N, C-alpha and C. Protein backbone atom coordinates (compact mmCIF):
# COMPACT_ATOMS: atom_id res chain seq x y z
N UNK A 1 56.79 35.89 -51.65
CA UNK A 1 57.86 35.19 -52.29
C UNK A 1 58.52 34.23 -51.30
N UNK A 2 58.64 32.92 -51.64
CA UNK A 2 59.25 31.99 -50.70
C UNK A 2 60.73 32.27 -50.48
N UNK A 3 61.25 31.95 -49.33
CA UNK A 3 62.69 32.21 -49.10
C UNK A 3 63.55 31.33 -50.04
N UNK A 4 64.69 31.84 -50.35
CA UNK A 4 65.60 31.15 -51.26
C UNK A 4 66.30 30.04 -50.42
N UNK A 5 66.36 28.83 -51.01
CA UNK A 5 66.96 27.73 -50.32
C UNK A 5 68.43 27.60 -50.65
N UNK A 6 69.22 27.16 -49.70
CA UNK A 6 70.65 26.94 -49.94
C UNK A 6 70.83 25.67 -50.76
N UNK A 7 72.03 25.49 -51.23
CA UNK A 7 72.33 24.25 -51.99
C UNK A 7 72.16 23.01 -51.15
N UNK A 8 72.50 23.11 -49.87
CA UNK A 8 72.35 21.94 -48.97
C UNK A 8 70.89 21.61 -48.76
N UNK A 9 70.06 22.65 -48.58
CA UNK A 9 68.62 22.40 -48.41
C UNK A 9 68.04 21.77 -49.67
N UNK A 10 68.49 22.22 -50.82
CA UNK A 10 68.00 21.63 -52.07
C UNK A 10 68.42 20.17 -52.18
N UNK A 11 69.65 19.85 -51.74
CA UNK A 11 70.11 18.49 -51.78
C UNK A 11 69.31 17.58 -50.86
N UNK A 12 68.97 18.07 -49.68
CA UNK A 12 68.16 17.28 -48.74
C UNK A 12 66.77 17.05 -49.34
N UNK A 13 66.14 18.08 -49.92
CA UNK A 13 64.83 17.91 -50.50
C UNK A 13 64.88 16.96 -51.69
N UNK A 14 65.97 17.03 -52.47
CA UNK A 14 66.09 16.14 -53.63
C UNK A 14 66.19 14.69 -53.17
N UNK A 15 66.96 14.45 -52.10
CA UNK A 15 67.06 13.09 -51.56
C UNK A 15 65.71 12.61 -51.01
N UNK A 16 65.00 13.48 -50.34
CA UNK A 16 63.68 13.11 -49.79
C UNK A 16 62.72 12.75 -50.94
N UNK A 17 62.68 13.54 -51.98
CA UNK A 17 61.82 13.27 -53.12
C UNK A 17 62.24 11.90 -53.79
N UNK A 18 63.55 11.67 -53.88
CA UNK A 18 64.02 10.41 -54.48
C UNK A 18 63.58 9.22 -53.61
N UNK A 19 63.65 9.42 -52.30
CA UNK A 19 63.22 8.33 -51.39
C UNK A 19 61.72 8.07 -51.54
N UNK A 20 60.93 9.12 -51.68
CA UNK A 20 59.47 8.93 -51.83
C UNK A 20 59.16 8.28 -53.20
N UNK A 21 59.92 8.62 -54.21
CA UNK A 21 59.72 7.95 -55.52
C UNK A 21 60.11 6.46 -55.42
N UNK A 22 61.13 6.16 -54.63
CA UNK A 22 61.53 4.78 -54.41
C UNK A 22 60.37 3.99 -53.77
N UNK A 23 59.66 4.65 -52.83
CA UNK A 23 58.56 3.99 -52.14
C UNK A 23 57.47 3.56 -53.17
N UNK A 24 57.23 4.42 -54.15
CA UNK A 24 56.20 4.11 -55.14
C UNK A 24 56.56 2.89 -55.99
N UNK A 25 57.85 2.52 -56.04
CA UNK A 25 58.26 1.40 -56.86
C UNK A 25 58.15 0.08 -56.12
N UNK A 26 57.77 0.10 -54.84
CA UNK A 26 57.70 -1.12 -54.03
C UNK A 26 56.30 -1.72 -54.14
N UNK A 27 56.17 -3.00 -53.77
CA UNK A 27 54.83 -3.66 -53.83
C UNK A 27 53.85 -2.96 -52.93
N UNK A 28 52.60 -2.84 -53.36
CA UNK A 28 51.58 -2.11 -52.66
C UNK A 28 51.41 -2.48 -51.19
N UNK A 29 51.48 -3.74 -50.82
CA UNK A 29 51.26 -4.11 -49.41
C UNK A 29 52.34 -3.56 -48.44
N UNK A 30 53.51 -3.23 -48.94
CA UNK A 30 54.60 -2.78 -48.05
C UNK A 30 54.93 -1.30 -48.26
N UNK A 31 54.25 -0.62 -49.12
CA UNK A 31 54.54 0.82 -49.37
C UNK A 31 54.43 1.64 -48.09
N UNK A 32 53.39 1.36 -47.28
CA UNK A 32 53.18 2.12 -46.05
C UNK A 32 54.39 1.97 -45.13
N UNK A 33 54.97 0.80 -45.04
CA UNK A 33 56.13 0.58 -44.22
C UNK A 33 57.33 1.36 -44.72
N UNK A 34 57.56 1.32 -46.02
CA UNK A 34 58.68 2.09 -46.62
C UNK A 34 58.45 3.60 -46.40
N UNK A 35 57.24 4.05 -46.59
CA UNK A 35 56.94 5.48 -46.42
C UNK A 35 57.18 5.90 -44.98
N UNK A 36 56.70 5.08 -44.05
CA UNK A 36 56.93 5.37 -42.60
C UNK A 36 58.42 5.42 -42.34
N UNK A 37 59.20 4.47 -42.87
CA UNK A 37 60.63 4.45 -42.66
C UNK A 37 61.29 5.72 -43.14
N UNK A 38 60.90 6.15 -44.35
CA UNK A 38 61.48 7.37 -44.93
C UNK A 38 61.11 8.61 -44.12
N UNK A 39 59.81 8.76 -43.82
CA UNK A 39 59.37 9.95 -43.07
C UNK A 39 60.00 10.01 -41.68
N UNK A 40 60.05 8.86 -40.97
CA UNK A 40 60.60 8.82 -39.64
C UNK A 40 62.10 9.14 -39.66
N UNK A 41 62.79 8.55 -40.60
CA UNK A 41 64.28 8.75 -40.67
C UNK A 41 64.59 10.22 -40.94
N UNK A 42 63.90 10.85 -41.90
CA UNK A 42 64.19 12.25 -42.17
C UNK A 42 63.77 13.11 -40.98
N UNK A 43 62.64 12.83 -40.35
CA UNK A 43 62.22 13.65 -39.22
C UNK A 43 63.19 13.50 -38.06
N UNK A 44 63.57 12.26 -37.80
CA UNK A 44 64.47 11.98 -36.68
C UNK A 44 65.82 12.68 -36.89
N UNK A 45 66.34 12.60 -38.07
CA UNK A 45 67.66 13.28 -38.37
C UNK A 45 67.50 14.80 -38.29
N UNK A 46 66.36 15.30 -38.76
CA UNK A 46 66.16 16.75 -38.71
C UNK A 46 66.13 17.31 -37.28
N UNK A 47 65.59 16.50 -36.35
CA UNK A 47 65.50 16.98 -34.98
C UNK A 47 66.82 16.81 -34.22
N UNK A 48 67.72 15.97 -34.75
CA UNK A 48 68.96 15.66 -34.05
C UNK A 48 70.14 16.54 -34.46
N UNK A 49 70.03 17.22 -35.59
CA UNK A 49 71.16 17.94 -36.14
C UNK A 49 70.83 19.44 -36.24
N UNK A 50 71.78 20.25 -35.93
CA UNK A 50 71.62 21.70 -36.07
C UNK A 50 71.76 22.09 -37.54
N UNK A 51 70.96 23.02 -38.01
CA UNK A 51 71.07 23.45 -39.41
C UNK A 51 72.48 24.06 -39.72
N UNK A 52 73.17 24.41 -38.70
CA UNK A 52 74.50 25.02 -38.91
C UNK A 52 75.64 24.00 -38.98
N UNK A 53 75.32 22.74 -38.68
CA UNK A 53 76.32 21.69 -38.67
C UNK A 53 76.39 21.09 -40.08
N UNK A 54 77.01 21.80 -40.98
CA UNK A 54 77.05 21.48 -42.40
C UNK A 54 77.77 20.15 -42.62
N UNK A 55 78.88 19.88 -41.98
CA UNK A 55 79.62 18.65 -42.21
C UNK A 55 78.79 17.42 -41.83
N UNK A 56 78.02 17.53 -40.73
CA UNK A 56 77.20 16.37 -40.33
C UNK A 56 76.01 16.19 -41.30
N UNK A 57 75.47 17.27 -41.77
CA UNK A 57 74.35 17.19 -42.75
C UNK A 57 74.89 16.55 -44.04
N UNK A 58 76.09 16.91 -44.47
CA UNK A 58 76.69 16.33 -45.64
C UNK A 58 76.91 14.84 -45.44
N UNK A 59 77.34 14.46 -44.21
CA UNK A 59 77.54 13.05 -43.89
C UNK A 59 76.19 12.32 -43.98
N UNK A 60 75.12 12.90 -43.44
CA UNK A 60 73.81 12.25 -43.49
C UNK A 60 73.31 12.14 -44.92
N UNK A 61 73.60 13.14 -45.75
CA UNK A 61 73.22 13.08 -47.17
C UNK A 61 73.93 11.88 -47.88
N UNK A 62 75.21 11.76 -47.62
CA UNK A 62 75.96 10.65 -48.24
C UNK A 62 75.41 9.30 -47.76
N UNK A 63 75.18 9.19 -46.47
CA UNK A 63 74.63 7.97 -45.89
C UNK A 63 73.24 7.69 -46.42
N UNK A 64 72.42 8.72 -46.51
CA UNK A 64 71.06 8.56 -47.00
C UNK A 64 71.01 8.19 -48.47
N UNK A 65 71.93 8.75 -49.24
CA UNK A 65 72.00 8.42 -50.68
C UNK A 65 72.36 6.94 -50.84
N UNK A 66 73.32 6.45 -50.09
CA UNK A 66 73.69 5.03 -50.17
C UNK A 66 72.50 4.15 -49.74
N UNK A 67 71.80 4.57 -48.75
CA UNK A 67 70.65 3.79 -48.24
C UNK A 67 69.53 3.76 -49.29
N UNK A 68 69.23 4.89 -49.87
CA UNK A 68 68.18 4.92 -50.92
C UNK A 68 68.59 4.09 -52.11
N UNK A 69 69.86 4.16 -52.50
CA UNK A 69 70.32 3.35 -53.60
C UNK A 69 70.16 1.87 -53.31
N UNK A 70 70.42 1.47 -52.07
CA UNK A 70 70.22 0.04 -51.72
C UNK A 70 68.75 -0.32 -51.75
N UNK A 71 67.89 0.54 -51.26
CA UNK A 71 66.45 0.22 -51.25
C UNK A 71 65.82 0.31 -52.64
N UNK A 72 66.44 1.04 -53.57
CA UNK A 72 65.95 1.14 -54.94
C UNK A 72 66.10 -0.19 -55.71
N UNK A 73 66.96 -1.06 -55.21
CA UNK A 73 67.14 -2.36 -55.86
C UNK A 73 65.82 -3.12 -55.90
N UNK A 74 65.43 -3.58 -57.09
CA UNK A 74 64.15 -4.29 -57.21
C UNK A 74 64.07 -5.55 -56.32
N UNK A 75 65.20 -6.08 -55.93
CA UNK A 75 65.23 -7.27 -55.08
C UNK A 75 64.78 -6.98 -53.64
N UNK A 76 64.80 -5.74 -53.23
CA UNK A 76 64.36 -5.34 -51.88
C UNK A 76 62.88 -5.22 -51.93
N UNK A 77 62.20 -6.12 -51.21
CA UNK A 77 60.74 -6.18 -51.24
C UNK A 77 60.09 -5.71 -49.93
N UNK A 78 60.87 -5.54 -48.89
CA UNK A 78 60.26 -5.19 -47.60
C UNK A 78 61.36 -4.47 -46.76
N UNK A 79 60.86 -3.77 -45.73
CA UNK A 79 61.83 -3.13 -44.82
C UNK A 79 61.33 -3.30 -43.38
N UNK A 80 62.19 -3.11 -42.44
CA UNK A 80 61.88 -3.30 -41.04
C UNK A 80 61.45 -1.99 -40.47
N UNK A 81 60.36 -2.00 -39.70
CA UNK A 81 59.85 -0.82 -39.03
C UNK A 81 59.79 -1.11 -37.53
N UNK A 82 60.46 -0.26 -36.72
CA UNK A 82 60.53 -0.50 -35.29
C UNK A 82 59.26 -0.06 -34.59
N UNK A 83 59.15 -0.46 -33.32
CA UNK A 83 58.01 -0.05 -32.50
C UNK A 83 58.05 1.49 -32.29
N UNK A 84 59.25 2.06 -32.16
CA UNK A 84 59.39 3.50 -32.00
C UNK A 84 58.83 4.21 -33.23
N UNK A 85 59.10 3.68 -34.42
CA UNK A 85 58.59 4.30 -35.64
C UNK A 85 57.07 4.27 -35.67
N UNK A 86 56.50 3.14 -35.27
CA UNK A 86 55.05 3.04 -35.29
C UNK A 86 54.42 3.94 -34.26
N UNK A 87 55.02 4.05 -33.09
CA UNK A 87 54.50 4.93 -32.06
C UNK A 87 54.61 6.39 -32.51
N UNK A 88 55.71 6.77 -33.15
CA UNK A 88 55.86 8.14 -33.66
C UNK A 88 54.81 8.41 -34.69
N UNK A 89 54.52 7.41 -35.53
CA UNK A 89 53.53 7.62 -36.59
C UNK A 89 52.14 7.86 -36.01
N UNK A 90 51.82 7.09 -34.96
CA UNK A 90 50.49 7.31 -34.34
C UNK A 90 50.36 8.70 -33.73
N UNK A 91 51.43 9.17 -33.09
CA UNK A 91 51.40 10.53 -32.52
C UNK A 91 51.35 11.56 -33.62
N UNK A 92 52.15 11.35 -34.68
CA UNK A 92 52.16 12.31 -35.78
C UNK A 92 50.82 12.39 -36.46
N UNK A 93 50.20 11.25 -36.71
CA UNK A 93 48.88 11.22 -37.35
C UNK A 93 47.82 11.85 -36.49
N UNK A 94 47.90 11.61 -35.19
CA UNK A 94 46.94 12.22 -34.27
C UNK A 94 47.09 13.76 -34.28
N UNK A 95 48.29 14.23 -34.38
CA UNK A 95 48.54 15.68 -34.38
C UNK A 95 48.13 16.34 -35.69
N UNK A 96 48.09 15.57 -36.76
CA UNK A 96 47.73 16.18 -38.07
C UNK A 96 46.30 15.99 -38.44
N UNK A 97 45.56 15.26 -37.65
CA UNK A 97 44.12 15.08 -37.98
C UNK A 97 43.37 16.38 -37.75
N UNK A 98 42.46 16.65 -38.63
CA UNK A 98 41.63 17.86 -38.52
C UNK A 98 40.33 17.49 -37.86
N UNK A 99 39.91 18.35 -36.98
CA UNK A 99 38.61 18.11 -36.34
C UNK A 99 37.50 18.74 -37.17
N UNK A 100 36.46 18.03 -37.38
CA UNK A 100 35.34 18.59 -38.15
C UNK A 100 34.14 18.69 -37.22
N UNK A 101 33.63 19.85 -37.10
CA UNK A 101 32.47 20.06 -36.23
C UNK A 101 31.59 21.18 -36.79
């Protein structure tokens, strides 16, 4: 039986799913950039904040919700991806590749 999630954990997962759904609404050539932006942002915030720091997590949820709402606008066609994000993605992909032998 999986562990029961707190309300805050459910809110974070709901925001992450909403962000990933937003990515699917973007033009195909830039979806990878949006997806990298979402994955990197959530991972970066998760490593910077303690699970016990509820007020900061709530702040990040409010900030993230506003950001996703802005990116959901159909007028937003592209996003900026930094060199750090691309480097993190290369390391992350390298670590998740399965070796076949």
